[in-house]
mmCIF file of all heavy atoms, coordinates in Angstrom:
data_MODEL
# 
_entry.id   MODEL 
# 
loop_
_atom_site.group_PDB 
_atom_site.id 
_atom_site.type_symbol 
_atom_site.label_atom_id 
_atom_site.label_alt_id 
_atom_site.label_comp_id 
_atom_site.label_asym_id 
_atom_site.label_entity_id 
_atom_site.label_seq_id 
_atom_site.pdbx_PDB_ins_code 
_atom_site.Cartn_x 
_atom_site.Cartn_y 
_atom_site.Cartn_z 
_atom_site.occupancy 
_atom_site.B_iso_or_equiv 
_atom_site.pdbx_formal_charge 
_atom_site.auth_seq_id 
_atom_site.auth_comp_id 
_atom_site.auth_asym_id 
_atom_site.auth_atom_id 
_atom_site.pdbx_PDB_model_num 
ATOM 1   N N   . THR A 1 1  ? 8.694  6.463  -17.282 1.00 0.00 ? 1  THR A N   1 
ATOM 2   C CA  . THR A 1 1  ? 8.064  5.177  -16.986 1.00 0.00 ? 1  THR A CA  1 
ATOM 3   C C   . THR A 1 1  ? 9.078  4.042  -16.852 1.00 0.00 ? 1  THR A C   1 
ATOM 4   O O   . THR A 1 1  ? 8.698  2.918  -16.545 1.00 0.00 ? 1  THR A O   1 
ATOM 5   C CB  . THR A 1 1  ? 7.056  4.809  -18.093 1.00 0.00 ? 1  THR A CB  1 
ATOM 6   O OG1 . THR A 1 1  ? 7.730  4.817  -19.371 1.00 0.00 ? 1  THR A OG1 1 
ATOM 7   C CG2 . THR A 1 1  ? 5.919  5.814  -18.138 1.00 0.00 ? 1  THR A CG2 1 
ATOM 8   N N   . ARG A 1 2  ? 10.372 4.348  -17.081 1.00 0.00 ? 2  ARG A N   1 
ATOM 9   C CA  . ARG A 1 2  ? 11.398 3.318  -16.870 1.00 0.00 ? 2  ARG A CA  1 
ATOM 10  C C   . ARG A 1 2  ? 11.475 2.975  -15.388 1.00 0.00 ? 2  ARG A C   1 
ATOM 11  O O   . ARG A 1 2  ? 11.318 3.828  -14.524 1.00 0.00 ? 2  ARG A O   1 
ATOM 12  C CB  . ARG A 1 2  ? 12.764 3.810  -17.353 1.00 0.00 ? 2  ARG A CB  1 
ATOM 13  C CG  . ARG A 1 2  ? 12.865 3.962  -18.861 1.00 0.00 ? 2  ARG A CG  1 
ATOM 14  C CD  . ARG A 1 2  ? 14.227 4.504  -19.259 1.00 0.00 ? 2  ARG A CD  1 
ATOM 15  N NE  . ARG A 1 2  ? 15.311 3.673  -18.761 1.00 0.00 ? 2  ARG A NE  1 
ATOM 16  C CZ  . ARG A 1 2  ? 16.601 3.971  -18.913 1.00 0.00 ? 2  ARG A CZ  1 
ATOM 17  N NH1 . ARG A 1 2  ? 16.947 5.088  -19.533 1.00 0.00 ? 2  ARG A NH1 1 
ATOM 18  N NH2 . ARG A 1 2  ? 17.536 3.175  -18.451 1.00 0.00 ? 2  ARG A NH2 1 
ATOM 19  N N   . SER A 1 3  ? 11.758 1.719  -15.103 1.00 0.00 ? 3  SER A N   1 
ATOM 20  C CA  . SER A 1 3  ? 11.744 1.271  -13.706 1.00 0.00 ? 3  SER A CA  1 
ATOM 21  C C   . SER A 1 3  ? 13.146 1.087  -13.122 1.00 0.00 ? 3  SER A C   1 
ATOM 22  O O   . SER A 1 3  ? 13.293 0.521  -12.047 1.00 0.00 ? 3  SER A O   1 
ATOM 23  C CB  . SER A 1 3  ? 10.966 -0.044 -13.596 1.00 0.00 ? 3  SER A CB  1 
ATOM 24  O OG  . SER A 1 3  ? 11.544 -1.039 -14.426 1.00 0.00 ? 3  SER A OG  1 
ATOM 25  N N   . ASP A 1 4  ? 14.201 1.567  -13.829 1.00 0.00 ? 4  ASP A N   1 
ATOM 26  C CA  . ASP A 1 4  ? 15.578 1.392  -13.354 1.00 0.00 ? 4  ASP A CA  1 
ATOM 27  C C   . ASP A 1 4  ? 15.737 1.877  -11.916 1.00 0.00 ? 4  ASP A C   1 
ATOM 28  O O   . ASP A 1 4  ? 16.330 1.213  -11.075 1.00 0.00 ? 4  ASP A O   1 
ATOM 29  C CB  . ASP A 1 4  ? 16.564 2.171  -14.241 1.00 0.00 ? 4  ASP A CB  1 
ATOM 30  C CG  . ASP A 1 4  ? 16.430 1.824  -15.711 1.00 0.00 ? 4  ASP A CG  1 
ATOM 31  O OD1 . ASP A 1 4  ? 15.287 1.653  -16.163 1.00 0.00 ? 4  ASP A OD1 1 
ATOM 32  O OD2 . ASP A 1 4  ? 17.456 1.744  -16.394 1.00 0.00 ? 4  ASP A OD2 1 
ATOM 33  N N   . TYR A 1 5  ? 15.217 3.088  -11.663 1.00 0.00 ? 5  TYR A N   1 
ATOM 34  C CA  . TYR A 1 5  ? 15.331 3.682  -10.333 1.00 0.00 ? 5  TYR A CA  1 
ATOM 35  C C   . TYR A 1 5  ? 13.959 3.844  -9.674  1.00 0.00 ? 5  TYR A C   1 
ATOM 36  O O   . TYR A 1 5  ? 13.813 4.590  -8.726  1.00 0.00 ? 5  TYR A O   1 
ATOM 37  C CB  . TYR A 1 5  ? 16.018 5.052  -10.424 1.00 0.00 ? 5  TYR A CB  1 
ATOM 38  C CG  . TYR A 1 5  ? 17.414 4.969  -10.997 1.00 0.00 ? 5  TYR A CG  1 
ATOM 39  C CD1 . TYR A 1 5  ? 17.654 5.293  -12.328 1.00 0.00 ? 5  TYR A CD1 1 
ATOM 40  C CD2 . TYR A 1 5  ? 18.481 4.538  -10.209 1.00 0.00 ? 5  TYR A CD2 1 
ATOM 41  C CE1 . TYR A 1 5  ? 18.942 5.203  -12.859 1.00 0.00 ? 5  TYR A CE1 1 
ATOM 42  C CE2 . TYR A 1 5  ? 19.759 4.463  -10.734 1.00 0.00 ? 5  TYR A CE2 1 
ATOM 43  C CZ  . TYR A 1 5  ? 19.983 4.790  -12.061 1.00 0.00 ? 5  TYR A CZ  1 
ATOM 44  O OH  . TYR A 1 5  ? 21.254 4.699  -12.585 1.00 0.00 ? 5  TYR A OH  1 
ATOM 45  N N   . GLY A 1 6  ? 12.974 3.133  -10.185 1.00 0.00 ? 6  GLY A N   1 
ATOM 46  C CA  . GLY A 1 6  ? 11.625 3.238  -9.649  1.00 0.00 ? 6  GLY A CA  1 
ATOM 47  C C   . GLY A 1 6  ? 10.871 4.400  -10.278 1.00 0.00 ? 6  GLY A C   1 
ATOM 48  O O   . GLY A 1 6  ? 11.456 5.434  -10.574 1.00 0.00 ? 6  GLY A O   1 
ATOM 49  N N   . ARG A 1 7  ? 9.595  4.207  -10.501 1.00 0.00 ? 7  ARG A N   1 
ATOM 50  C CA  . ARG A 1 7  ? 8.791  5.273  -11.103 1.00 0.00 ? 7  ARG A CA  1 
ATOM 51  C C   . ARG A 1 7  ? 8.378  6.285  -10.036 1.00 0.00 ? 7  ARG A C   1 
ATOM 52  O O   . ARG A 1 7  ? 8.105  5.929  -8.890  1.00 0.00 ? 7  ARG A O   1 
ATOM 53  C CB  . ARG A 1 7  ? 7.544  4.687  -11.765 1.00 0.00 ? 7  ARG A CB  1 
ATOM 54  C CG  . ARG A 1 7  ? 7.814  3.708  -12.883 1.00 0.00 ? 7  ARG A CG  1 
ATOM 55  C CD  . ARG A 1 7  ? 6.534  3.368  -13.635 1.00 0.00 ? 7  ARG A CD  1 
ATOM 56  N NE  . ARG A 1 7  ? 5.463  2.909  -12.754 1.00 0.00 ? 7  ARG A NE  1 
ATOM 57  C CZ  . ARG A 1 7  ? 4.233  2.623  -13.164 1.00 0.00 ? 7  ARG A CZ  1 
ATOM 58  N NH1 . ARG A 1 7  ? 3.925  2.766  -14.439 1.00 0.00 ? 7  ARG A NH1 1 
ATOM 59  N NH2 . ARG A 1 7  ? 3.317  2.199  -12.312 1.00 0.00 ? 7  ARG A NH2 1 
ATOM 60  N N   . LEU A 1 8  ? 8.320  7.552  -10.442 1.00 0.00 ? 8  LEU A N   1 
ATOM 61  C CA  . LEU A 1 8  ? 7.860  8.604  -9.545  1.00 0.00 ? 8  LEU A CA  1 
ATOM 62  C C   . LEU A 1 8  ? 6.467  8.274  -9.018  1.00 0.00 ? 8  LEU A C   1 
ATOM 63  O O   . LEU A 1 8  ? 6.180  8.449  -7.831  1.00 0.00 ? 8  LEU A O   1 
ATOM 64  C CB  . LEU A 1 8  ? 7.840  9.948  -10.280 1.00 0.00 ? 8  LEU A CB  1 
ATOM 65  C CG  . LEU A 1 8  ? 7.171  11.116 -9.549  1.00 0.00 ? 8  LEU A CG  1 
ATOM 66  C CD1 . LEU A 1 8  ? 7.917  11.463 -8.267  1.00 0.00 ? 8  LEU A CD1 1 
ATOM 67  C CD2 . LEU A 1 8  ? 7.067  12.336 -10.447 1.00 0.00 ? 8  LEU A CD2 1 
ATOM 68  N N   . TRP A 1 9  ? 5.586  7.792  -9.911  1.00 0.00 ? 9  TRP A N   1 
ATOM 69  C CA  . TRP A 1 9  ? 4.217  7.488  -9.513  1.00 0.00 ? 9  TRP A CA  1 
ATOM 70  C C   . TRP A 1 9  ? 4.176  6.487  -8.358  1.00 0.00 ? 9  TRP A C   1 
ATOM 71  O O   . TRP A 1 9  ? 3.423  6.663  -7.413  1.00 0.00 ? 9  TRP A O   1 
ATOM 72  C CB  . TRP A 1 9  ? 3.437  6.926  -10.704 1.00 0.00 ? 9  TRP A CB  1 
ATOM 73  C CG  . TRP A 1 9  ? 3.342  7.851  -11.871 1.00 0.00 ? 9  TRP A CG  1 
ATOM 74  C CD1 . TRP A 1 9  ? 3.342  9.225  -11.839 1.00 0.00 ? 9  TRP A CD1 1 
ATOM 75  C CD2 . TRP A 1 9  ? 3.242  7.486  -13.246 1.00 0.00 ? 9  TRP A CD2 1 
ATOM 76  N NE1 . TRP A 1 9  ? 3.242  9.727  -13.109 1.00 0.00 ? 9  TRP A NE1 1 
ATOM 77  C CE2 . TRP A 1 9  ? 3.172  8.704  -13.997 1.00 0.00 ? 9  TRP A CE2 1 
ATOM 78  C CE3 . TRP A 1 9  ? 3.191  6.278  -13.935 1.00 0.00 ? 9  TRP A CE3 1 
ATOM 79  C CZ2 . TRP A 1 9  ? 3.054  8.707  -15.387 1.00 0.00 ? 9  TRP A CZ2 1 
ATOM 80  C CZ3 . TRP A 1 9  ? 3.066  6.276  -15.308 1.00 0.00 ? 9  TRP A CZ3 1 
ATOM 81  C CH2 . TRP A 1 9  ? 3.013  7.481  -16.030 1.00 0.00 ? 9  TRP A CH2 1 
ATOM 82  N N   . ASP A 1 10 ? 5.005  5.446  -8.440  1.00 0.00 ? 10 ASP A N   1 
ATOM 83  C CA  . ASP A 1 10 ? 5.002  4.416  -7.391  1.00 0.00 ? 10 ASP A CA  1 
ATOM 84  C C   . ASP A 1 10 ? 5.554  4.967  -6.085  1.00 0.00 ? 10 ASP A C   1 
ATOM 85  O O   . ASP A 1 10 ? 5.041  4.669  -5.004  1.00 0.00 ? 10 ASP A O   1 
ATOM 86  C CB  . ASP A 1 10 ? 5.819  3.197  -7.843  1.00 0.00 ? 10 ASP A CB  1 
ATOM 87  C CG  . ASP A 1 10 ? 5.249  2.552  -9.100  1.00 0.00 ? 10 ASP A CG  1 
ATOM 88  O OD1 . ASP A 1 10 ? 4.020  2.607  -9.279  1.00 0.00 ? 10 ASP A OD1 1 
ATOM 89  O OD2 . ASP A 1 10 ? 6.029  2.012  -9.905  1.00 0.00 ? 10 ASP A OD2 1 
ATOM 90  N N   . SER A 1 11 ? 6.617  5.771  -6.185  1.00 0.00 ? 11 SER A N   1 
ATOM 91  C CA  . SER A 1 11 ? 7.224  6.354  -4.988  1.00 0.00 ? 11 SER A CA  1 
ATOM 92  C C   . SER A 1 11 ? 6.254  7.302  -4.296  1.00 0.00 ? 11 SER A C   1 
ATOM 93  O O   . SER A 1 11 ? 6.202  7.388  -3.066  1.00 0.00 ? 11 SER A O   1 
ATOM 94  C CB  . SER A 1 11 ? 8.499  7.099  -5.366  1.00 0.00 ? 11 SER A CB  1 
ATOM 95  O OG  . SER A 1 11 ? 9.040  7.777  -4.259  1.00 0.00 ? 11 SER A OG  1 
ATOM 96  N N   . LEU A 1 12 ? 5.457  8.001  -5.090  1.00 0.00 ? 12 LEU A N   1 
ATOM 97  C CA  . LEU A 1 12 ? 4.553  9.017  -4.564  1.00 0.00 ? 12 LEU A CA  1 
ATOM 98  C C   . LEU A 1 12 ? 3.433  8.429  -3.716  1.00 0.00 ? 12 LEU A C   1 
ATOM 99  O O   . LEU A 1 12 ? 2.941  9.082  -2.783  1.00 0.00 ? 12 LEU A O   1 
ATOM 100 C CB  . LEU A 1 12 ? 3.960  9.801  -5.738  1.00 0.00 ? 12 LEU A CB  1 
ATOM 101 C CG  . LEU A 1 12 ? 3.201  11.096 -5.463  1.00 0.00 ? 12 LEU A CG  1 
ATOM 102 C CD1 . LEU A 1 12 ? 4.070  12.081 -4.690  1.00 0.00 ? 12 LEU A CD1 1 
ATOM 103 C CD2 . LEU A 1 12 ? 2.751  11.706 -6.786  1.00 0.00 ? 12 LEU A CD2 1 
ATOM 104 N N   . LEU A 1 13 ? 3.046  7.199  -3.987  1.00 0.00 ? 13 LEU A N   1 
ATOM 105 C CA  . LEU A 1 13 ? 1.897  6.591  -3.305  1.00 0.00 ? 13 LEU A CA  1 
ATOM 106 C C   . LEU A 1 13 ? 2.057  6.604  -1.787  1.00 0.00 ? 13 LEU A C   1 
ATOM 107 O O   . LEU A 1 13 ? 1.110  6.894  -1.058  1.00 0.00 ? 13 LEU A O   1 
ATOM 108 C CB  . LEU A 1 13 ? 1.680  5.155  -3.804  1.00 0.00 ? 13 LEU A CB  1 
ATOM 109 C CG  . LEU A 1 13 ? 1.303  5.007  -5.282  1.00 0.00 ? 13 LEU A CG  1 
ATOM 110 C CD1 . LEU A 1 13 ? 1.172  3.536  -5.651  1.00 0.00 ? 13 LEU A CD1 1 
ATOM 111 C CD2 . LEU A 1 13 ? -0.001 5.742  -5.579  1.00 0.00 ? 13 LEU A CD2 1 
ATOM 112 N N   . GLY A 1 14 ? 3.245  6.278  -1.295  1.00 0.00 ? 14 GLY A N   1 
ATOM 113 C CA  . GLY A 1 14 ? 3.467  6.231  0.136   1.00 0.00 ? 14 GLY A CA  1 
ATOM 114 C C   . GLY A 1 14 ? 3.338  7.575  0.818   1.00 0.00 ? 14 GLY A C   1 
ATOM 115 O O   . GLY A 1 14 ? 2.992  7.655  2.003   1.00 0.00 ? 14 GLY A O   1 
ATOM 116 N N   . PHE A 1 15 ? 3.588  8.657  0.067   1.00 0.00 ? 15 PHE A N   1 
ATOM 117 C CA  . PHE A 1 15 ? 3.484  10.008 0.636   1.00 0.00 ? 15 PHE A CA  1 
ATOM 118 C C   . PHE A 1 15 ? 2.048  10.507 0.667   1.00 0.00 ? 15 PHE A C   1 
ATOM 119 O O   . PHE A 1 15 ? 1.711  11.393 1.447   1.00 0.00 ? 15 PHE A O   1 
ATOM 120 C CB  . PHE A 1 15 ? 4.345  10.996 -0.160  1.00 0.00 ? 15 PHE A CB  1 
ATOM 121 C CG  . PHE A 1 15 ? 5.814  10.694 -0.117  1.00 0.00 ? 15 PHE A CG  1 
ATOM 122 C CD1 . PHE A 1 15 ? 6.436  10.038 -1.162  1.00 0.00 ? 15 PHE A CD1 1 
ATOM 123 C CD2 . PHE A 1 15 ? 6.576  11.057 0.986   1.00 0.00 ? 15 PHE A CD2 1 
ATOM 124 C CE1 . PHE A 1 15 ? 7.801  9.756  -1.130  1.00 0.00 ? 15 PHE A CE1 1 
ATOM 125 C CE2 . PHE A 1 15 ? 7.937  10.787 1.038   1.00 0.00 ? 15 PHE A CE2 1 
ATOM 126 C CZ  . PHE A 1 15 ? 8.544  10.125 -0.023  1.00 0.00 ? 15 PHE A CZ  1 
ATOM 127 N N   . LEU A 1 16 ? 1.211  9.967  -0.205  1.00 0.00 ? 16 LEU A N   1 
ATOM 128 C CA  . LEU A 1 16 ? -0.166 10.441 -0.320  1.00 0.00 ? 16 LEU A CA  1 
ATOM 129 C C   . LEU A 1 16 ? -1.093 9.813  0.705   1.00 0.00 ? 16 LEU A C   1 
ATOM 130 O O   . LEU A 1 16 ? -2.201 10.317 0.924   1.00 0.00 ? 16 LEU A O   1 
ATOM 131 C CB  . LEU A 1 16 ? -0.704 10.168 -1.738  1.00 0.00 ? 16 LEU A CB  1 
ATOM 132 C CG  . LEU A 1 16 ? 0.074  10.828 -2.883  1.00 0.00 ? 16 LEU A CG  1 
ATOM 133 C CD1 . LEU A 1 16 ? -0.542 10.445 -4.220  1.00 0.00 ? 16 LEU A CD1 1 
ATOM 134 C CD2 . LEU A 1 16 ? 0.107  12.344 -2.726  1.00 0.00 ? 16 LEU A CD2 1 
ATOM 135 N N   . GLU A 1 17 ? -0.681 8.697  1.315   1.00 0.00 ? 17 GLU A N   1 
ATOM 136 C CA  . GLU A 1 17 ? -1.492 8.040  2.331   1.00 0.00 ? 17 GLU A CA  1 
ATOM 137 C C   . GLU A 1 17 ? -1.083 8.544  3.711   1.00 0.00 ? 17 GLU A C   1 
ATOM 138 O O   . GLU A 1 17 ? 0.093  8.436  4.092   1.00 0.00 ? 17 GLU A O   1 
ATOM 139 C CB  . GLU A 1 17 ? -1.299 6.525  2.260   1.00 0.00 ? 17 GLU A CB  1 
ATOM 140 C CG  . GLU A 1 17 ? -1.878 5.876  1.014   1.00 0.00 ? 17 GLU A CG  1 
ATOM 141 C CD  . GLU A 1 17 ? -3.403 5.886  1.025   1.00 0.00 ? 17 GLU A CD  1 
ATOM 142 O OE1 . GLU A 1 17 ? -3.993 6.147  2.095   1.00 0.00 ? 17 GLU A OE1 1 
ATOM 143 O OE2 . GLU A 1 17 ? -3.988 5.656  -0.047  1.00 0.00 ? 17 GLU A OE2 1 
ATOM 144 N N   . PRO A 1 18 ? -2.007 9.095  4.499   1.00 0.00 ? 18 PRO A N   1 
ATOM 145 C CA  . PRO A 1 18 ? -1.656 9.637  5.823   1.00 0.00 ? 18 PRO A CA  1 
ATOM 146 C C   . PRO A 1 18 ? -0.953 8.630  6.727   1.00 0.00 ? 18 PRO A C   1 
ATOM 147 O O   . PRO A 1 18 ? -0.014 8.992  7.445   1.00 0.00 ? 18 PRO A O   1 
ATOM 148 C CB  . PRO A 1 18 ? -3.025 10.049 6.400   1.00 0.00 ? 18 PRO A CB  1 
ATOM 149 C CG  . PRO A 1 18 ? -3.889 10.279 5.198   1.00 0.00 ? 18 PRO A CG  1 
ATOM 150 C CD  . PRO A 1 18 ? -3.436 9.296  4.171   1.00 0.00 ? 18 PRO A CD  1 
ATOM 151 N N   . GLU A 1 19 ? -1.381 7.385  6.675   1.00 0.00 ? 19 GLU A N   1 
ATOM 152 C CA  . GLU A 1 19 ? -0.800 6.372  7.561   1.00 0.00 ? 19 GLU A CA  1 
ATOM 153 C C   . GLU A 1 19 ? 0.680  6.147  7.275   1.00 0.00 ? 19 GLU A C   1 
ATOM 154 O O   . GLU A 1 19 ? 1.510  6.120  8.176   1.00 0.00 ? 19 GLU A O   1 
ATOM 155 C CB  . GLU A 1 19 ? -1.572 5.056  7.398   1.00 0.00 ? 19 GLU A CB  1 
ATOM 156 C CG  . GLU A 1 19 ? -1.089 3.923  8.291   1.00 0.00 ? 19 GLU A CG  1 
ATOM 157 C CD  . GLU A 1 19 ? -1.368 4.171  9.766   1.00 0.00 ? 19 GLU A CD  1 
ATOM 158 O OE1 . GLU A 1 19 ? -2.274 4.967  10.079  1.00 0.00 ? 19 GLU A OE1 1 
ATOM 159 O OE2 . GLU A 1 19 ? -0.657 3.568  10.595  1.00 0.00 ? 19 GLU A OE2 1 
ATOM 160 N N   . THR A 1 20 ? 1.038  5.998  6.004   1.00 0.00 ? 20 THR A N   1 
ATOM 161 C CA  . THR A 1 20 ? 2.436  5.753  5.652   1.00 0.00 ? 20 THR A CA  1 
ATOM 162 C C   . THR A 1 20 ? 3.262  7.035  5.675   1.00 0.00 ? 20 THR A C   1 
ATOM 163 O O   . THR A 1 20 ? 4.453  7.006  5.988   1.00 0.00 ? 20 THR A O   1 
ATOM 164 C CB  . THR A 1 20 ? 2.537  5.096  4.257   1.00 0.00 ? 20 THR A CB  1 
ATOM 165 O OG1 . THR A 1 20 ? 1.751  5.856  3.317   1.00 0.00 ? 20 THR A OG1 1 
ATOM 166 C CG2 . THR A 1 20 ? 2.006  3.668  4.297   1.00 0.00 ? 20 THR A CG2 1 
ATOM 167 N N   . ALA A 1 21 ? 2.635  8.188  5.354   1.00 0.00 ? 21 ALA A N   1 
ATOM 168 C CA  . ALA A 1 21 ? 3.364  9.461  5.373   1.00 0.00 ? 21 ALA A CA  1 
ATOM 169 C C   . ALA A 1 21 ? 3.810  9.821  6.785   1.00 0.00 ? 21 ALA A C   1 
ATOM 170 O O   . ALA A 1 21 ? 4.830  10.488 6.967   1.00 0.00 ? 21 ALA A O   1 
ATOM 171 C CB  . ALA A 1 21 ? 2.490  10.574 4.807   1.00 0.00 ? 21 ALA A CB  1 
ATOM 172 N N   . ALA A 1 22 ? 3.079  9.377  7.780   1.00 0.00 ? 22 ALA A N   1 
ATOM 173 C CA  . ALA A 1 22 ? 3.425  9.698  9.169   1.00 0.00 ? 22 ALA A CA  1 
ATOM 174 C C   . ALA A 1 22 ? 4.599  8.868  9.675   1.00 0.00 ? 22 ALA A C   1 
ATOM 175 O O   . ALA A 1 22 ? 5.154  9.166  10.736  1.00 0.00 ? 22 ALA A O   1 
ATOM 176 C CB  . ALA A 1 22 ? 2.215  9.477  10.068  1.00 0.00 ? 22 ALA A CB  1 
ATOM 177 N N   . ARG A 1 23 ? 4.986  7.843  8.909   1.00 0.00 ? 23 ARG A N   1 
ATOM 178 C CA  . ARG A 1 23 ? 6.087  6.962  9.334   1.00 0.00 ? 23 ARG A CA  1 
ATOM 179 C C   . ARG A 1 23 ? 6.959  6.612  8.135   1.00 0.00 ? 23 ARG A C   1 
ATOM 180 O O   . ARG A 1 23 ? 7.253  5.449  7.896   1.00 0.00 ? 23 ARG A O   1 
ATOM 181 C CB  . ARG A 1 23 ? 5.536  5.676  9.963   1.00 0.00 ? 23 ARG A CB  1 
ATOM 182 C CG  . ARG A 1 23 ? 4.643  5.926  11.163  1.00 0.00 ? 23 ARG A CG  1 
ATOM 183 C CD  . ARG A 1 23 ? 3.872  4.672  11.567  1.00 0.00 ? 23 ARG A CD  1 
ATOM 184 N NE  . ARG A 1 23 ? 2.981  4.929  12.692  1.00 0.00 ? 23 ARG A NE  1 
ATOM 185 C CZ  . ARG A 1 23 ? 1.778  5.487  12.572  1.00 0.00 ? 23 ARG A CZ  1 
ATOM 186 N NH1 . ARG A 1 23 ? 1.326  5.846  11.380  1.00 0.00 ? 23 ARG A NH1 1 
ATOM 187 N NH2 . ARG A 1 23 ? 1.029  5.679  13.643  1.00 0.00 ? 23 ARG A NH2 1 
ATOM 188 N N   . TYR A 1 24 ? 7.381  7.622  7.386   1.00 0.00 ? 24 TYR A N   1 
ATOM 189 C CA  . TYR A 1 24 ? 8.136  7.347  6.165   1.00 0.00 ? 24 TYR A CA  1 
ATOM 190 C C   . TYR A 1 24 ? 9.586  7.011  6.491   1.00 0.00 ? 24 TYR A C   1 
ATOM 191 O O   . TYR A 1 24 ? 10.307 7.819  7.105   1.00 0.00 ? 24 TYR A O   1 
ATOM 192 C CB  . TYR A 1 24 ? 8.095  8.544  5.213   1.00 0.00 ? 24 TYR A CB  1 
ATOM 193 C CG  . TYR A 1 24 ? 8.850  8.273  3.929   1.00 0.00 ? 24 TYR A CG  1 
ATOM 194 C CD1 . TYR A 1 24 ? 8.329  7.414  2.976   1.00 0.00 ? 24 TYR A CD1 1 
ATOM 195 C CD2 . TYR A 1 24 ? 10.108 8.841  3.697   1.00 0.00 ? 24 TYR A CD2 1 
ATOM 196 C CE1 . TYR A 1 24 ? 9.026  7.136  1.812   1.00 0.00 ? 24 TYR A CE1 1 
ATOM 197 C CE2 . TYR A 1 24 ? 10.803 8.566  2.531   1.00 0.00 ? 24 TYR A CE2 1 
ATOM 198 C CZ  . TYR A 1 24 ? 10.257 7.713  1.600   1.00 0.00 ? 24 TYR A CZ  1 
ATOM 199 O OH  . TYR A 1 24 ? 10.950 7.417  0.459   1.00 0.00 ? 24 TYR A OH  1 
# 
């Protein structure tokens, strides 16, 4: 949950949405 390098949970959000995953 440390935010030094960003949380995995936050990074994962962009991959789970079809719209953003198509243009990562």
